[in-house]
Protein backbone atom coordinates (compact mmCIF):
# COMPACT_ATOMS: atom_id res chain seq x y z
CA MET A 1 0.00 0.00 0.00
CA THR A 2 1.06 3.55 -0.72
CA GLU A 3 0.00 6.61 1.26
CA ARG A 4 -0.42 10.28 0.34
CA ARG A 5 -1.27 13.17 2.68
CA TRP A 6 -2.69 16.64 2.02
CA HIS A 7 -3.12 19.56 4.36
CA ARG A 8 -5.23 22.59 3.45
CA GLU A 9 -6.15 25.62 5.53
CA PHE A 10 -8.39 28.52 4.71
CA THR A 11 -10.41 31.27 6.33
CA VAL A 12 -14.05 31.79 5.46
CA ASP A 13 -16.60 34.42 6.44
CA ALA A 14 -19.05 32.03 8.07
CA ASP A 15 -19.95 30.81 11.53
CA ALA A 16 -17.92 27.75 12.61
CA ASP A 17 -21.09 25.85 13.60
CA VAL A 18 -22.57 26.42 10.12
CA VAL A 19 -19.37 25.15 8.49
CA LEU A 20 -19.26 22.04 10.69
CA ALA A 21 -22.94 21.27 10.06
CA LEU A 22 -22.31 21.38 6.31
CA LEU A 23 -19.21 19.19 6.57
CA ARG A 24 -20.97 16.61 8.78
CA ASP A 25 -23.88 16.17 6.35
CA PRO A 26 -22.94 13.58 3.72
CA LEU A 27 -26.10 14.41 1.75
CA ARG A 28 -24.44 17.75 0.87
CA LEU A 29 -21.40 16.07 -0.72
CA PRO A 30 -22.84 16.02 -4.28
CA GLU A 31 -23.11 19.84 -4.07
CA LEU A 32 -19.45 20.19 -3.10
CA HIS A 33 -17.42 17.24 -4.38
CA PRO A 34 -16.99 17.17 -8.17
CA LEU A 35 -16.92 13.37 -8.47
CA ILE A 36 -19.87 12.49 -6.21
CA ASP A 37 -23.25 12.03 -7.86
CA ARG A 38 -25.36 10.59 -5.05
CA VAL A 39 -25.22 9.71 -1.35
CA ASP A 40 -27.47 7.24 0.51
CA VAL A 41 -27.40 7.64 4.29
CA GLU A 42 -27.98 4.76 6.71
CA PRO A 43 -29.08 4.90 10.39
CA LEU A 44 -26.66 6.22 13.02
CA ARG A 45 -24.49 3.68 14.81
CA HIS A 46 -22.22 3.80 17.80
CA LYS A 47 -18.69 2.41 17.96
CA GLY A 48 -17.76 2.73 21.61
CA ASP A 49 -18.04 6.42 22.47
CA VAL A 50 -18.03 7.50 18.80
CA THR A 51 -21.22 8.24 16.88
CA VAL A 52 -20.94 7.05 13.28
CA LEU A 53 -23.16 7.97 10.33
CA PRO A 54 -22.65 5.36 7.58
CA PHE A 55 -23.39 6.18 3.96
CA ALA A 56 -22.87 4.90 0.41
CA ILE A 57 -21.55 7.10 -2.39
CA ASP A 58 -22.07 6.84 -6.13
CA GLU A 59 -19.32 8.67 -7.95
CA HIS A 60 -17.92 9.01 -11.44
CA ILE A 61 -14.19 8.83 -11.98
CA PRO A 62 -12.73 10.56 -15.04
CA LEU A 63 -10.65 8.19 -17.13
CA GLY A 64 -9.63 9.96 -20.32
CA PRO A 65 -12.83 10.72 -22.24
CA TRP A 66 -14.85 8.29 -20.09
CA ARG A 67 -16.50 8.54 -16.70
CA VAL A 68 -16.26 5.27 -14.77
CA LYS A 69 -18.97 4.72 -12.16
CA ASN A 70 -17.93 3.60 -8.69
CA ARG A 71 -19.91 2.94 -5.50
CA TYR A 72 -18.19 2.92 -2.15
CA ARG A 73 -18.91 3.09 1.57
CA GLY A 74 -18.21 5.94 3.91
CA GLU A 75 -18.71 7.06 7.48
CA VAL A 76 -18.92 10.39 9.27
CA HIS A 77 -17.40 10.16 12.76
CA ASP A 78 -17.70 12.42 15.77
CA VAL A 79 -14.32 13.13 17.34
CA PRO A 80 -14.83 12.64 21.12
CA GLY A 81 -13.57 15.58 23.15
CA HIS A 82 -13.21 17.73 20.03
CA PRO A 83 -16.55 19.25 19.02
CA GLU A 84 -14.72 21.46 16.50
CA ARG A 85 -13.65 18.40 14.48
CA SER A 86 -15.33 16.06 12.03
CA ARG A 87 -13.94 12.98 10.35
CA GLN A 88 -15.10 11.22 7.18
CA VAL A 89 -13.67 7.91 6.08
CA GLY A 90 -14.34 6.24 2.72
CA PHE A 91 -13.59 2.66 1.69
CA SER A 92 -13.44 1.81 -2.01
CA SER A 93 -12.32 -1.05 -4.19
CA PRO A 94 -9.52 -2.06 -4.82
CA GLY A 95 -8.40 -1.34 -1.26
CA VAL A 96 -8.50 2.47 -1.39
CA THR A 97 -9.14 4.36 1.86
CA VAL A 98 -9.77 8.10 2.08
CA ASP A 99 -9.60 9.55 5.60
CA VAL A 100 -10.54 13.24 5.90
CA THR A 101 -10.41 15.18 9.16
CA TRP A 102 -11.75 18.72 9.40
CA ALA A 103 -11.06 21.16 12.23
CA VAL A 104 -13.12 24.35 12.25
CA THR A 105 -12.44 27.09 14.78
CA PRO A 106 -13.94 30.56 15.12
CA LEU A 107 -11.61 33.50 14.67
CA SER A 108 -11.71 36.31 17.18
CA SER A 109 -13.05 39.46 15.63
CA SER A 110 -11.28 42.78 16.01
CA SER A 111 -14.55 44.59 15.29
CA SER A 112 -17.25 45.28 17.85
CA SER A 113 -19.05 42.34 19.40
CA SER A 114 -22.34 43.66 18.02
CA SER A 115 -21.31 42.68 14.51
CA SER A 116 -23.41 39.87 13.09
CA SER A 117 -20.68 38.56 10.79
CA SER A 118 -18.22 35.94 11.91
CA SER A 119 -15.37 34.06 10.35
CA CYS A 120 -13.55 30.84 11.02
CA ARG A 121 -10.49 28.88 10.07
CA ALA A 122 -11.03 25.50 8.46
CA VAL A 123 -8.29 22.89 8.27
CA GLN A 124 -8.60 19.80 6.12
CA ASP A 125 -6.21 16.86 6.55
CA VAL A 126 -6.54 14.05 4.01
CA VAL A 127 -4.81 10.68 4.14
CA ILE A 128 -5.32 8.34 1.19
CA THR A 129 -3.98 4.82 0.97
CA ALA A 130 -4.09 2.78 -2.22
CA PRO A 131 -2.41 -0.25 -3.75
CA PHE A 132 0.82 0.79 -5.47
CA TRP A 133 -0.46 -0.07 -8.95
CA VAL A 134 -3.36 2.44 -8.78
CA ALA A 135 -1.82 4.94 -6.36
CA PRO A 136 -0.60 7.55 -8.91
CA PHE A 137 -4.04 7.71 -10.56
CA VAL A 138 -5.94 7.72 -7.24
CA PHE A 139 -3.71 10.40 -5.71
CA ALA A 140 -3.90 12.71 -8.75
CA THR A 141 -7.68 12.32 -9.12
CA ALA A 142 -8.39 12.70 -5.40
CA GLY A 143 -6.04 15.66 -5.06
CA ARG A 144 -7.81 17.59 -7.82
CA ALA A 145 -11.24 16.64 -6.45
CA HIS A 146 -10.41 17.77 -2.92
CA ASP A 147 -8.96 21.06 -4.20
CA ARG A 148 -12.27 21.67 -5.99
CA LEU A 149 -14.25 20.59 -2.89
CA VAL A 150 -12.46 23.20 -0.75
CA GLU A 151 -13.11 25.90 -3.34
CA ALA A 152 -16.79 24.92 -3.67
CA LEU A 153 -17.13 24.95 0.12
CA ARG A 154 -15.64 28.44 0.36
CA GLN A 155 -17.83 29.78 -2.43
CA ARG A 156 -20.98 28.27 -0.96
CA LEU A 157 -20.32 29.58 2.53
CA GLU A 158 -19.33 33.06 1.44
CA ALA A 159 -22.32 33.32 -0.88
CA SER A 160 -24.66 32.56 2.03
CA THR A 161 -23.25 35.30 4.29
């Protein structure tokens, strides 16, 4: 197996709770992630002290002029003791795992406390593992998709403020 990591940080003019709610809702992924077409959510489960929301994703993967369909499983995890964090893990064939952790924290405002606008810092850490024979393709495709996801997230949040 081969592993690749990404780290992205950005500031957005939005309330941290609004950002986290959007990130924790897998049904919003088709609006943000360029490869995801559909998400089917299953009932909440508990793994020890962690609440897990399982889901299935239908995506299309660009392969030259074609779009290959793929269905894989994912989970949204609470991060105990860290309400400012969210974790999503996806499991796809042939042995690909995508592990995304978000940390969203409010920024202190230098303006008066009566201001209704707020901003926050969002940090995305992505770890992808894949078999060596598909790793270059998986890493390149996922890297571009996650860059576009971050940009779509920023645009969506700033348009709603």
